[in-house]
Amino acid sequence: MNQQSLSSFIWSIADLLRGEFKQSDYGKVILPFTVLRRLDCVLENTKEPVLAMFTKNDKTKSNPDILIRHKFGLSFYNKSPFDLKKLSGDPINIQHNLMAYIQAFSPEVIDIFERFQFYNIIDKLAKSNLLYLIVEKFANIDLHPEFVSNNQMGLIFEELIRKFAEISNETAGEHFTPREVIRLMVNLLFIEDDDVLSKPNIVRSIYDPAAGTGGMLTIAGEYLEKKNPDARLTMFGQELNDESYAICKAGMLIKDQNVENIVAGNTLSQDGHFNKKFDYMLSNPPFGVDWKKIEKEIRSEHERKGFSGRFGPGLPRVTDGSLLFFIAPDF
């Protein structure tokens, strides 16, 4: 099954939600469950030895966090005996067990599901007698990395996000940028550095101040990996929308990037990468969105820091926040 068919199959699970959820809320169920199943599959091969290590360390009252990450090469883990297939074997206790399973993830994963407001979704599904059906459906989808590559998983996310945006009657551009457009941008970004990027073990950093679901960072990484498998592109980003941030962070986690480099919040008023410098910057800022809500913070930085800050050249009209991204020299 290719990624198009797989994403269509995953989205078809939303048919179970008819009558209990508004169409505009379908994505709030489908997206986090897709992330959960992917993480579930990624950890499948190391599940038993990780549990054994936690059991052993429970007796000594020590924290095996660093040891587990190093020994198994994991950027995240789960210390619960559950997975989605085991959860689907106990319909009566499905809500309690699923919540316990989520809470047993390492902190960076728990943050992802909190940003999704996943606990509220679980509660609503349980009250609608849909939770077991949804868990069972996702438990039978194979998203193991040996079957679905990171690249394919990115395409699946993109397709689901697009469907979510369309069904919600929201502006698609607020949620994703088409991959064809991103590939063109990435080629233009790297074209002058082809010789440098071909060197062995080259390391470069890239930043997206309006990261969305991480599409631009992902495509940039794929481009460099294809060009030079020995190269390393360290990814940084910031995203305002909690759902988009959650998906972006999940994607970085799966790609073994440092998820601490992905920050939540408004880039313009709460710079999550203050004083950091990057080799490249790539972004599709939110066009046509005003910055009235954060006007006080931006004007304050402009007046206090001038050209030593991000807004030295001046400020655009309040009705177009996208121009703030173009005048900020640190970007």
C-alpha atoms as a PDB file:
ATOM      1  CA  MET A   1       0.000   0.000   0.000  1.00  0.00           C
ATOM      2  CA  ASN A   2       1.559   3.337  -1.047  1.00  0.00           C
ATOM      3  CA  GLN A   3       1.398   6.452   1.119  1.00  0.00           C
ATOM      4  CA  GLN A   4      -1.577   7.868  -0.805  1.00  0.00           C
ATOM      5  CA  SER A   5      -3.605   4.708  -0.219  1.00  0.00           C
ATOM      6  CA  LEU A   6      -2.420   4.470   3.362  1.00  0.00           C
ATOM      7  CA  SER A   7      -3.357   8.074   4.181  1.00  0.00           C
ATOM      8  CA  SER A   8      -6.775   7.555   2.553  1.00  0.00           C
ATOM      9  CA  PHE A   9      -7.298   4.419   4.623  1.00  0.00           C
ATOM     10  CA  ILE A  10      -6.328   6.220   7.821  1.00  0.00           C
ATOM     11  CA  TRP A  11      -8.660   9.101   7.012  1.00  0.00           C
ATOM     12  CA  SER A  12     -11.497   6.664   6.313  1.00  0.00           C
ATOM     13  CA  ILE A  13     -11.477   5.835  10.019  1.00  0.00           C
ATOM     14  CA  ALA A  14     -13.084   9.259  10.475  1.00  0.00           C
ATOM     15  CA  ASP A  15     -16.321   7.700   9.201  1.00  0.00           C
ATOM     16  CA  LEU A  16     -16.695   6.261  12.697  1.00  0.00           C
ATOM     17  CA  LEU A  17     -16.896   9.791  14.075  1.00  0.00           C
ATOM     18  CA  ARG A  18     -19.999  10.831  12.137  1.00  0.00           C
ATOM     19  CA  GLY A  19     -22.756  12.106  14.396  1.00  0.00           C
ATOM     20  CA  GLU A  20     -20.547  12.392  17.469  1.00  0.00           C
ATOM     21  CA  PHE A  21     -17.910  14.849  16.180  1.00  0.00           C
ATOM     22  CA  LYS A  22     -18.161  17.824  13.866  1.00  0.00           C
ATOM     23  CA  GLN A  23     -16.384  17.325  10.562  1.00  0.00           C
ATOM     24  CA  SER A  24     -14.040  20.171  11.442  1.00  0.00           C
ATOM     25  CA  ASP A  25     -12.888  18.141  14.471  1.00  0.00           C
ATOM     26  CA  TYR A  26     -12.104  14.910  12.621  1.00  0.00           C
ATOM     27  CA  GLY A  27      -8.445  15.840  12.282  1.00  0.00           C
ATOM     28  CA  LYS A  28      -8.156  16.370  16.034  1.00  0.00           C
ATOM     29  CA  VAL A  29      -8.781  12.639  16.405  1.00  0.00           C
ATOM     30  CA  ILE A  30      -7.055  11.245  13.320  1.00  0.00           C
ATOM     31  CA  LEU A  31      -3.761  13.156  13.551  1.00  0.00           C
ATOM     32  CA  PRO A  32      -2.755  12.300  17.150  1.00  0.00           C
ATOM     33  CA  PHE A  33      -3.777   8.678  16.737  1.00  0.00           C
ATOM     34  CA  THR A  34      -1.629   8.499  13.604  1.00  0.00           C
ATOM     35  CA  VAL A  35       1.313   9.906  15.555  1.00  0.00           C
ATOM     36  CA  LEU A  36       0.656   7.476  18.401  1.00  0.00           C
ATOM     37  CA  ARG A  37       0.566   4.475  16.075  1.00  0.00           C
ATOM     38  CA  ARG A  38       3.790   5.569  14.370  1.00  0.00           C
ATOM     39  CA  LEU A  39       5.600   5.914  17.714  1.00  0.00           C
ATOM     40  CA  ASP A  40       4.077   2.601  18.768  1.00  0.00           C
ATOM     41  CA  CYS A  41       5.606   0.911  15.725  1.00  0.00           C
ATOM     42  CA  VAL A  42       8.979   2.663  16.016  1.00  0.00           C
ATOM     43  CA  LEU A  43       9.423   1.282  19.551  1.00  0.00           C
ATOM     44  CA  GLU A  44       8.202  -2.208  18.725  1.00  0.00           C
ATOM     45  CA  ASN A  45      11.615  -3.851  18.292  1.00  0.00           C
ATOM     46  CA  THR A  46      13.031  -2.505  21.572  1.00  0.00           C
ATOM     47  CA  LYS A  47       9.890  -2.854  23.677  1.00  0.00           C
ATOM     48  CA  GLU A  48      10.843  -5.895  25.753  1.00  0.00           C
ATOM     49  CA  PRO A  49      14.476  -5.008  26.589  1.00  0.00           C
ATOM     50  CA  VAL A  50      13.480  -1.457  27.542  1.00  0.00           C
ATOM     51  CA  LEU A  51      10.779  -2.770  29.886  1.00  0.00           C
ATOM     52  CA  ALA A  52      13.271  -5.190  31.404  1.00  0.00           C
ATOM     53  CA  MET A  53      15.680  -2.340  32.086  1.00  0.00           C
ATOM     54  CA  PHE A  54      12.974  -0.260  33.765  1.00  0.00           C
ATOM     55  CA  THR A  55      11.931  -3.242  35.892  1.00  0.00           C
ATOM     56  CA  LYS A  56      15.533  -3.789  36.960  1.00  0.00           C
ATOM     57  CA  ASN A  57      16.050  -0.111  37.813  1.00  0.00           C
ATOM     58  CA  ASP A  58      12.773   0.085  39.748  1.00  0.00           C
ATOM     59  CA  LYS A  59      14.396  -2.198  42.312  1.00  0.00           C
ATOM     60  CA  THR A  60      17.435   0.062  42.651  1.00  0.00           C
ATOM     61  CA  LYS A  61      15.356   3.271  42.558  1.00  0.00           C
ATOM     62  CA  SER A  62      17.551   4.681  39.775  1.00  0.00           C
ATOM     63  CA  ASN A  63      16.515   6.511  36.618  1.00  0.00           C
ATOM     64  CA  PRO A  64      17.630   4.650  33.463  1.00  0.00           C
ATOM     65  CA  ASP A  65      16.607   7.465  31.076  1.00  0.00           C
ATOM     66  CA  ILE A  66      20.069   8.316  29.700  1.00  0.00           C
ATOM     67  CA  LEU A  67      21.213   4.685  29.688  1.00  0.00           C
ATOM     68  CA  ILE A  68      18.187   3.547  27.677  1.00  0.00           C
ATOM     69  CA  ARG A  69      18.562   6.294  25.097  1.00  0.00           C
ATOM     70  CA  HIS A  70      22.256   5.486  24.664  1.00  0.00           C
ATOM     71  CA  LYS A  71      22.068   1.680  24.714  1.00  0.00           C
ATOM     72  CA  PHE A  72      19.151   1.352  22.310  1.00  0.00           C
ATOM     73  CA  GLY A  73      19.813   4.447  20.222  1.00  0.00           C
ATOM     74  CA  LEU A  74      16.396   5.879  21.098  1.00  0.00           C
ATOM     75  CA  SER A  75      15.423   9.532  21.172  1.00  0.00           C
ATOM     76  CA  PHE A  76      12.248   8.599  23.089  1.00  0.00           C
ATOM     77  CA  TYR A  77      10.836   5.565  24.888  1.00  0.00           C
ATOM     78  CA  ASN A  78       7.803   4.139  26.676  1.00  0.00           C
ATOM     79  CA  LYS A  79       7.946   2.242  29.965  1.00  0.00           C
ATOM     80  CA  SER A  80       4.428   0.788  29.836  1.00  0.00           C
ATOM     81  CA  PRO A  81       3.784  -2.888  29.027  1.00  0.00           C
ATOM     82  CA  PHE A  82       0.974  -1.692  26.758  1.00  0.00           C
ATOM     83  CA  ASP A  83       0.962  -1.005  23.057  1.00  0.00           C
ATOM     84  CA  LEU A  84      -2.087  -0.372  20.873  1.00  0.00           C
ATOM     85  CA  LYS A  85      -2.599  -4.064  20.101  1.00  0.00           C
ATOM     86  CA  LYS A  86      -2.544  -4.995  23.788  1.00  0.00           C
ATOM     87  CA  LEU A  87      -4.850  -2.097  24.577  1.00  0.00           C
ATOM     88  CA  SER A  88      -7.389  -3.342  22.054  1.00  0.00           C
ATOM     89  CA  GLY A  89      -7.453  -6.672  23.907  1.00  0.00           C
ATOM     90  CA  ASP A  90      -9.138  -5.105  26.943  1.00  0.00           C
ATOM     91  CA  PRO A  91     -12.223  -3.126  25.813  1.00  0.00           C
ATOM     92  CA  ILE A  92     -13.556  -2.612  29.342  1.00  0.00           C
ATOM     93  CA  ASN A  93     -10.495  -0.749  30.625  1.00  0.00           C
ATOM     94  CA  ILE A  94      -9.509   0.886  27.347  1.00  0.00           C
ATOM     95  CA  GLN A  95      -9.723   4.509  28.545  1.00  0.00           C
ATOM     96  CA  HIS A  96      -7.740   4.019  31.749  1.00  0.00           C
ATOM     97  CA  ASN A  97      -5.101   1.880  30.034  1.00  0.00           C
ATOM     98  CA  LEU A  98      -4.673   4.239  27.098  1.00  0.00           C
ATOM     99  CA  MET A  99      -4.162   7.197  29.416  1.00  0.00           C
ATOM    100  CA  ALA A 100      -1.589   5.187  31.366  1.00  0.00           C
ATOM    101  CA  TYR A 101       0.165   4.265  28.132  1.00  0.00           C
ATOM    102  CA  ILE A 102       0.444   7.910  27.050  1.00  0.00           C
ATOM    103  CA  GLN A 103       1.769   8.948  30.457  1.00  0.00           C
ATOM    104  CA  ALA A 104       4.468   6.259  30.249  1.00  0.00           C
ATOM    105  CA  PHE A 105       6.195   7.930  27.304  1.00  0.00           C
ATOM    106  CA  SER A 106       9.302  10.020  27.830  1.00  0.00           C
ATOM    107  CA  PRO A 107       8.612  13.738  28.541  1.00  0.00           C
ATOM    108  CA  GLU A 108       9.093  15.018  24.978  1.00  0.00           C
ATOM    109  CA  VAL A 109       6.370  12.656  23.723  1.00  0.00           C
ATOM    110  CA  ILE A 110       3.972  13.500  26.551  1.00  0.00           C
ATOM    111  CA  ASP A 111       4.333  17.163  25.546  1.00  0.00           C
ATOM    112  CA  ILE A 112       3.286  16.279  21.986  1.00  0.00           C
ATOM    113  CA  PHE A 113       0.023  14.693  23.122  1.00  0.00           C
ATOM    114  CA  GLU A 114      -0.690  17.474  25.582  1.00  0.00           C
ATOM    115  CA  ARG A 115      -0.378  19.957  22.696  1.00  0.00           C
ATOM    116  CA  PHE A 116      -2.869  17.831  20.788  1.00  0.00           C
ATOM    117  CA  GLN A 117      -5.180  18.069  23.844  1.00  0.00           C
ATOM    118  CA  PHE A 118      -5.350  14.330  23.413  1.00  0.00           C
ATOM    119  CA  TYR A 119      -6.702  13.559  26.869  1.00  0.00           C
ATOM    120  CA  ASN A 120      -9.861  15.530  26.073  1.00  0.00           C
ATOM    121  CA  ILE A 121     -10.202  13.602  22.814  1.00  0.00           C
ATOM    122  CA  ILE A 122      -9.841  10.292  24.653  1.00  0.00           C
ATOM    123  CA  ASP A 123     -12.504  11.318  27.149  1.00  0.00           C
ATOM    124  CA  LYS A 124     -14.941  12.376  24.425  1.00  0.00           C
ATOM    125  CA  LEU A 125     -14.365   9.183  22.436  1.00  0.00           C
ATOM    126  CA  ALA A 126     -14.978   7.110  25.565  1.00  0.00           C
ATOM    127  CA  LYS A 127     -18.232   8.926  26.332  1.00  0.00           C
ATOM    128  CA  SER A 128     -19.344   8.332  22.739  1.00  0.00           C
ATOM    129  CA  ASN A 129     -18.464   4.611  22.956  1.00  0.00           C
ATOM    130  CA  LEU A 130     -15.998   5.086  20.109  1.00  0.00           C
ATOM    131  CA  LEU A 131     -12.655   4.813  21.871  1.00  0.00           C
ATOM    132  CA  TYR A 132     -12.258   1.056  21.542  1.00  0.00           C
ATOM    133  CA  LEU A 133     -13.266   1.096  17.865  1.00  0.00           C
ATOM    134  CA  ILE A 134     -10.723   3.809  17.045  1.00  0.00           C
ATOM    135  CA  VAL A 135      -7.908   2.117  18.988  1.00  0.00           C
ATOM    136  CA  GLU A 136      -8.661  -1.201  17.311  1.00  0.00           C
ATOM    137  CA  LYS A 137      -8.603   0.359  13.842  1.00  0.00           C
ATOM    138  CA  PHE A 138      -5.249   2.062  14.408  1.00  0.00           C
ATOM    139  CA  ALA A 139      -3.762  -1.019  16.080  1.00  0.00           C
ATOM    140  CA  ASN A 140      -4.219  -2.873  12.789  1.00  0.00           C
ATOM    141  CA  ILE A 141      -2.351  -0.280  10.684  1.00  0.00           C
ATOM    142  CA  ASP A 142       1.292  -1.167  10.069  1.00  0.00           C
ATOM    143  CA  LEU A 143       3.380   2.019  10.322  1.00  0.00           C
ATOM    144  CA  HIS A 144       6.610   0.257  11.229  1.00  0.00           C
ATOM    145  CA  PRO A 145       9.709   2.043   9.816  1.00  0.00           C
ATOM    146  CA  GLU A 146      10.618  -1.119   7.896  1.00  0.00           C
ATOM    147  CA  PHE A 147       7.318  -0.797   6.061  1.00  0.00           C
ATOM    148  CA  VAL A 148       6.782   2.985   6.015  1.00  0.00           C
ATOM    149  CA  SER A 149       9.901   5.134   5.658  1.00  0.00           C
ATOM    150  CA  ASN A 150      10.300   8.538   7.272  1.00  0.00           C
ATOM    151  CA  ASN A 151       9.779  10.115   3.862  1.00  0.00           C
ATOM    152  CA  GLN A 152       6.545   8.183   3.302  1.00  0.00           C
ATOM    153  CA  MET A 153       5.396   9.046   6.810  1.00  0.00           C
ATOM    154  CA  GLY A 154       5.947  12.712   6.007  1.00  0.00           C
ATOM    155  CA  LEU A 155       3.811  12.381   2.888  1.00  0.00           C
ATOM    156  CA  ILE A 156       1.082  10.659   4.888  1.00  0.00           C
ATOM    157  CA  PHE A 157       1.086  13.476   7.451  1.00  0.00           C
ATOM    158  CA  GLU A 158       0.930  16.057   4.684  1.00  0.00           C
ATOM    159  CA  GLU A 159      -2.028  14.377   3.023  1.00  0.00           C
ATOM    160  CA  LEU A 160      -3.924  14.066   6.292  1.00  0.00           C
ATOM    161  CA  ILE A 161      -3.230  17.706   7.145  1.00  0.00           C
ATOM    162  CA  ARG A 162      -4.479  18.779   3.714  1.00  0.00           C
ATOM    163  CA  LYS A 163      -7.688  16.793   4.166  1.00  0.00           C
ATOM    164  CA  PHE A 164      -8.128  18.244   7.641  1.00  0.00           C
ATOM    165  CA  ALA A 165      -7.693  21.786   6.322  1.00  0.00           C
ATOM    166  CA  GLU A 166     -10.176  21.236   3.493  1.00  0.00           C
ATOM    167  CA  ILE A 167     -12.852  19.662   5.649  1.00  0.00           C
ATOM    168  CA  SER A 168     -12.430  22.413   8.243  1.00  0.00           C
ATOM    169  CA  ASN A 169     -12.874  25.119   5.578  1.00  0.00           C
ATOM    170  CA  GLU A 170      -9.627  26.659   6.757  1.00  0.00           C
ATOM    171  CA  THR A 171      -6.937  28.231   4.636  1.00  0.00           C
ATOM    172  CA  ALA A 172      -4.686  25.390   3.541  1.00  0.00           C
ATOM    173  CA  GLY A 173      -1.635  27.638   3.573  1.00  0.00           C
ATOM    174  CA  GLU A 174      -1.964  28.047   7.311  1.00  0.00           C
ATOM    175  CA  HIS A 175      -1.279  24.345   7.738  1.00  0.00           C
ATOM    176  CA  PHE A 176       1.080  23.223   4.995  1.00  0.00           C
ATOM    177  CA  THR A 177       3.068  24.270   1.964  1.00  0.00           C
ATOM    178  CA  PRO A 178       2.930  21.867  -1.010  1.00  0.00           C
ATOM    179  CA  ARG A 179       6.053  19.715  -1.290  1.00  0.00           C
ATOM    180  CA  GLU A 180       6.649  20.783  -4.895  1.00  0.00           C
ATOM    181  CA  VAL A 181       6.965  24.386  -3.737  1.00  0.00           C
ATOM    182  CA  ILE A 182       9.239  23.427  -0.848  1.00  0.00           C
ATOM    183  CA  ARG A 183      11.529  21.413  -3.129  1.00  0.00           C
ATOM    184  CA  LEU A 184      11.959  24.434  -5.376  1.00  0.00           C
ATOM    185  CA  MET A 185      12.752  26.628  -2.365  1.00  0.00           C
ATOM    186  CA  VAL A 186      15.252  24.088  -1.013  1.00  0.00           C
ATOM    187  CA  ASN A 187      17.022  23.832  -4.371  1.00  0.00           C
ATOM    188  CA  LEU A 188      17.311  27.611  -4.572  1.00  0.00           C
ATOM    189  CA  LEU A 189      18.537  27.752  -0.976  1.00  0.00           C
ATOM    190  CA  PHE A 190      21.331  25.201  -1.384  1.00  0.00           C
ATOM    191  CA  ILE A 191      22.336  25.746  -5.014  1.00  0.00           C
ATOM    192  CA  GLU A 192      25.211  28.136  -4.250  1.00  0.00           C
ATOM    193  CA  ASP A 193      26.693  25.745  -1.656  1.00  0.00           C
ATOM    194  CA  ASP A 194      26.750  22.526  -3.668  1.00  0.00           C
ATOM    195  CA  ASP A 195      30.530  22.121  -3.368  1.00  0.00           C
ATOM    196  CA  VAL A 196      30.585  22.747   0.388  1.00  0.00           C
ATOM    197  CA  LEU A 197      27.628  20.461   1.051  1.00  0.00           C
ATOM    198  CA  SER A 198      29.368  17.615  -0.794  1.00  0.00           C
ATOM    199  CA  LYS A 199      32.264  17.479   1.686  1.00  0.00           C
ATOM    200  CA  PRO A 200      32.535  14.442   4.014  1.00  0.00           C
ATOM    201  CA  ASN A 201      30.848  14.756   7.426  1.00  0.00           C
ATOM    202  CA  ILE A 202      29.724  18.331   6.765  1.00  0.00           C
ATOM    203  CA  VAL A 203      27.362  19.701   9.438  1.00  0.00           C
ATOM    204  CA  ARG A 204      24.963  22.564   8.789  1.00  0.00           C
ATOM    205  CA  SER A 205      21.982  24.077  10.610  1.00  0.00           C
ATOM    206  CA  ILE A 206      18.658  25.278   9.236  1.00  0.00           C
ATOM    207  CA  TYR A 207      15.921  27.325  10.882  1.00  0.00           C
ATOM    208  CA  ASP A 208      12.234  27.814  10.125  1.00  0.00           C
ATOM    209  CA  PRO A 209      10.614  30.537  12.300  1.00  0.00           C
ATOM    210  CA  ALA A 210       7.132  29.493  11.160  1.00  0.00           C
ATOM    211  CA  ALA A 211       7.748  25.769  11.058  1.00  0.00           C
ATOM    212  CA  GLY A 212       4.173  24.528  10.755  1.00  0.00           C
ATOM    213  CA  THR A 213       4.234  20.739  10.663  1.00  0.00           C
ATOM    214  CA  GLY A 214       7.920  20.711   9.738  1.00  0.00           C
ATOM    215  CA  GLY A 215       7.585  20.192   5.989  1.00  0.00           C
ATOM    216  CA  MET A 216      10.342  22.604   5.002  1.00  0.00           C
ATOM    217  CA  LEU A 217      12.803  21.210   7.512  1.00  0.00           C
ATOM    218  CA  THR A 218      11.983  17.682   6.388  1.00  0.00           C
ATOM    219  CA  ILE A 219      12.443  18.358   2.668  1.00  0.00           C
ATOM    220  CA  ALA A 220      15.697  20.218   3.316  1.00  0.00           C
ATOM    221  CA  GLY A 221      16.957  17.217   5.263  1.00  0.00           C
ATOM    222  CA  GLU A 222      15.920  14.822   2.496  1.00  0.00           C
ATOM    223  CA  TYR A 223      17.673  16.960  -0.125  1.00  0.00           C
ATOM    224  CA  LEU A 224      20.956  16.997   1.770  1.00  0.00           C
ATOM    225  CA  GLU A 225      20.800  13.297   2.629  1.00  0.00           C
ATOM    226  CA  LYS A 226      20.277  12.420  -1.034  1.00  0.00           C
ATOM    227  CA  LYS A 227      23.138  14.682  -2.092  1.00  0.00           C
ATOM    228  CA  ASN A 228      25.531  13.617   0.650  1.00  0.00           C
ATOM    229  CA  PRO A 229      24.596  10.730   3.004  1.00  0.00           C
ATOM    230  CA  ASP A 230      27.513  11.696   5.277  1.00  0.00           C
ATOM    231  CA  ALA A 231      26.159  15.209   5.816  1.00  0.00           C
ATOM    232  CA  ARG A 232      24.176  16.230   8.887  1.00  0.00           C
ATOM    233  CA  LEU A 233      21.518  18.930   8.861  1.00  0.00           C
ATOM    234  CA  THR A 234      20.523  20.080  12.336  1.00  0.00           C
ATOM    235  CA  MET A 235      16.983  21.415  12.329  1.00  0.00           C
ATOM    236  CA  PHE A 236      15.564  24.280  14.385  1.00  0.00           C
ATOM    237  CA  GLY A 237      12.088  25.748  14.326  1.00  0.00           C
ATOM    238  CA  GLN A 238       9.303  27.506  16.153  1.00  0.00           C
ATOM    239  CA  GLU A 239       5.563  27.154  15.678  1.00  0.00           C
ATOM    240  CA  LEU A 240       2.574  28.966  17.148  1.00  0.00           C
ATOM    241  CA  ASN A 241      -0.251  26.487  16.439  1.00  0.00           C
ATOM    242  CA  ASP A 242      -0.279  23.681  19.006  1.00  0.00           C
ATOM    243  CA  GLU A 243      -1.462  20.950  16.630  1.00  0.00           C
ATOM    244  CA  SER A 244       1.105  21.880  13.980  1.00  0.00           C
ATOM    245  CA  TYR A 245       3.801  22.084  16.640  1.00  0.00           C
ATOM    246  CA  ALA A 246       2.852  18.636  17.924  1.00  0.00           C
ATOM    247  CA  ILE A 247       3.124  17.092  14.452  1.00  0.00           C
ATOM    248  CA  CYS A 248       6.400  18.878  13.720  1.00  0.00           C
ATOM    249  CA  LYS A 249       7.905  17.751  17.016  1.00  0.00           C
ATOM    250  CA  ALA A 250       6.736  14.180  16.456  1.00  0.00           C
ATOM    251  CA  GLY A 251       8.358  14.184  13.022  1.00  0.00           C
ATOM    252  CA  MET A 252      11.653  15.468  14.397  1.00  0.00           C
ATOM    253  CA  LEU A 253      11.541  12.840  17.132  1.00  0.00           C
ATOM    254  CA  ILE A 254      11.167  10.040  14.610  1.00  0.00           C
ATOM    255  CA  LYS A 255      14.024  11.467  12.490  1.00  0.00           C
ATOM    256  CA  ASP A 256      16.311  11.440  15.550  1.00  0.00           C
ATOM    257  CA  GLN A 257      16.604  15.214  15.594  1.00  0.00           C
ATOM    258  CA  ASN A 258      16.893  17.024  18.913  1.00  0.00           C
ATOM    259  CA  VAL A 259      13.272  17.913  19.678  1.00  0.00           C
ATOM    260  CA  GLU A 260      14.415  20.646  22.045  1.00  0.00           C
ATOM    261  CA  ASN A 261      15.286  22.576  18.887  1.00  0.00           C
ATOM    262  CA  ILE A 262      11.561  22.794  18.062  1.00  0.00           C
ATOM    263  CA  VAL A 263       9.995  25.484  20.232  1.00  0.00           C
ATOM    264  CA  ALA A 264       6.358  26.377  20.788  1.00  0.00           C
ATOM    265  CA  GLY A 265       5.138  29.960  20.727  1.00  0.00           C
ATOM    266  CA  ASN A 266       5.014  33.100  18.618  1.00  0.00           C
ATOM    267  CA  THR A 267       8.420  33.655  16.991  1.00  0.00           C
ATOM    268  CA  LEU A 268       7.928  37.410  16.728  1.00  0.00           C
ATOM    269  CA  SER A 269       6.973  38.104  20.330  1.00  0.00           C
ATOM    270  CA  GLN A 270       8.631  35.140  22.086  1.00  0.00           C
ATOM    271  CA  ASP A 271      11.860  34.334  20.275  1.00  0.00           C
ATOM    272  CA  GLY A 272      12.574  30.719  21.174  1.00  0.00           C
ATOM    273  CA  HIS A 273      16.060  30.817  19.649  1.00  0.00           C
ATOM    274  CA  PHE A 274      17.329  34.101  21.052  1.00  0.00           C
ATOM    275  CA  ASN A 275      20.863  35.011  19.946  1.00  0.00           C
ATOM    276  CA  LYS A 276      21.311  31.785  17.955  1.00  0.00           C
ATOM    277  CA  LYS A 277      22.759  31.829  14.445  1.00  0.00           C
ATOM    278  CA  PHE A 278      21.989  29.383  11.640  1.00  0.00           C
ATOM    279  CA  ASP A 279      23.533  28.490   8.302  1.00  0.00           C
ATOM    280  CA  TYR A 280      20.208  28.592   6.475  1.00  0.00           C
ATOM    281  CA  MET A 281      16.710  29.928   7.003  1.00  0.00           C
ATOM    282  CA  LEU A 282      13.660  28.727   5.121  1.00  0.00           C
ATOM    283  CA  SER A 283      10.081  29.746   5.816  1.00  0.00           C
ATOM    284  CA  ASN A 284       6.588  30.386   4.546  1.00  0.00           C
ATOM    285  CA  PRO A 285       5.386  33.078   6.966  1.00  0.00           C
ATOM    286  CA  PRO A 286       1.659  33.674   7.539  1.00  0.00           C
ATOM    287  CA  PHE A 287       0.605  36.168   4.878  1.00  0.00           C
ATOM    288  CA  GLY A 288      -2.211  38.603   5.510  1.00  0.00           C
ATOM    289  CA  VAL A 289      -2.270  38.055   9.272  1.00  0.00           C
ATOM    290  CA  ASP A 290      -2.140  41.173  11.437  1.00  0.00           C
ATOM    291  CA  TRP A 291       0.202  41.527  14.416  1.00  0.00           C
ATOM    292  CA  LYS A 292      -2.014  43.714  16.577  1.00  0.00           C
ATOM    293  CA  LYS A 293      -2.077  41.185  19.444  1.00  0.00           C
ATOM    294  CA  ILE A 294       1.709  41.295  19.777  1.00  0.00           C
ATOM    295  CA  GLU A 295       2.190  44.955  18.792  1.00  0.00           C
ATOM    296  CA  LYS A 296       3.363  45.992  22.260  1.00  0.00           C
ATOM    297  CA  GLU A 297       6.180  43.397  22.388  1.00  0.00           C
ATOM    298  CA  ILE A 298       7.378  44.106  18.847  1.00  0.00           C
ATOM    299  CA  ARG A 299       7.391  47.895  19.199  1.00  0.00           C
ATOM    300  CA  SER A 300       9.216  47.515  22.509  1.00  0.00           C
ATOM    301  CA  GLU A 301      11.994  45.442  20.904  1.00  0.00           C
ATOM    302  CA  HIS A 302      12.193  47.842  17.961  1.00  0.00           C
ATOM    303  CA  GLU A 303      12.559  50.880  20.224  1.00  0.00           C
ATOM    304  CA  ARG A 304      14.908  49.293  22.787  1.00  0.00           C
ATOM    305  CA  LYS A 305      17.281  47.396  20.508  1.00  0.00           C
ATOM    306  CA  GLY A 306      17.136  49.076  17.136  1.00  0.00           C
ATOM    307  CA  PHE A 307      19.520  47.356  14.715  1.00  0.00           C
ATOM    308  CA  SER A 308      20.929  45.184  17.489  1.00  0.00           C
ATOM    309  CA  GLY A 309      17.503  43.536  17.598  1.00  0.00           C
ATOM    310  CA  ARG A 310      15.366  41.967  14.898  1.00  0.00           C
ATOM    311  CA  PHE A 311      13.307  44.966  13.818  1.00  0.00           C
ATOM    312  CA  GLY A 312      15.920  47.681  13.283  1.00  0.00           C
ATOM    313  CA  PRO A 313      14.916  48.538   9.672  1.00  0.00           C
ATOM    314  CA  GLY A 314      11.460  49.580  10.845  1.00  0.00           C
ATOM    315  CA  LEU A 315       7.986  48.169  11.274  1.00  0.00           C
ATOM    316  CA  PRO A 316       5.377  47.458   8.576  1.00  0.00           C
ATOM    317  CA  ARG A 317       1.687  48.212   8.868  1.00  0.00           C
ATOM    318  CA  VAL A 318      -0.107  46.265  11.570  1.00  0.00           C
ATOM    319  CA  THR A 319      -2.283  44.504   8.996  1.00  0.00           C
ATOM    320  CA  ASP A 320       0.570  42.461   7.481  1.00  0.00           C
ATOM    321  CA  GLY A 321       2.620  40.466   9.951  1.00  0.00           C
ATOM    322  CA  SER A 322       4.441  38.575   7.201  1.00  0.00           C
ATOM    323  CA  LEU A 323       6.658  41.613   6.527  1.00  0.00           C
ATOM    324  CA  LEU A 324       8.061  41.332  10.036  1.00  0.00           C
ATOM    325  CA  PHE A 325       9.763  38.087   8.994  1.00  0.00           C
ATOM    326  CA  PHE A 326      11.486  39.792   6.060  1.00  0.00           C
ATOM    327  CA  ILE A 327      12.928  42.772   7.922  1.00  0.00           C
ATOM    328  CA  ALA A 328      14.276  40.814  10.894  1.00  0.00           C
ATOM    329  CA  PRO A 329      18.067  40.480  10.321  1.00  0.00           C
ATOM    330  CA  ASP A 330      18.496  37.551  12.739  1.00  0.00           C
ATOM    331  CA  PHE A 331      16.281  35.456  10.485  1.00  0.00           C
END
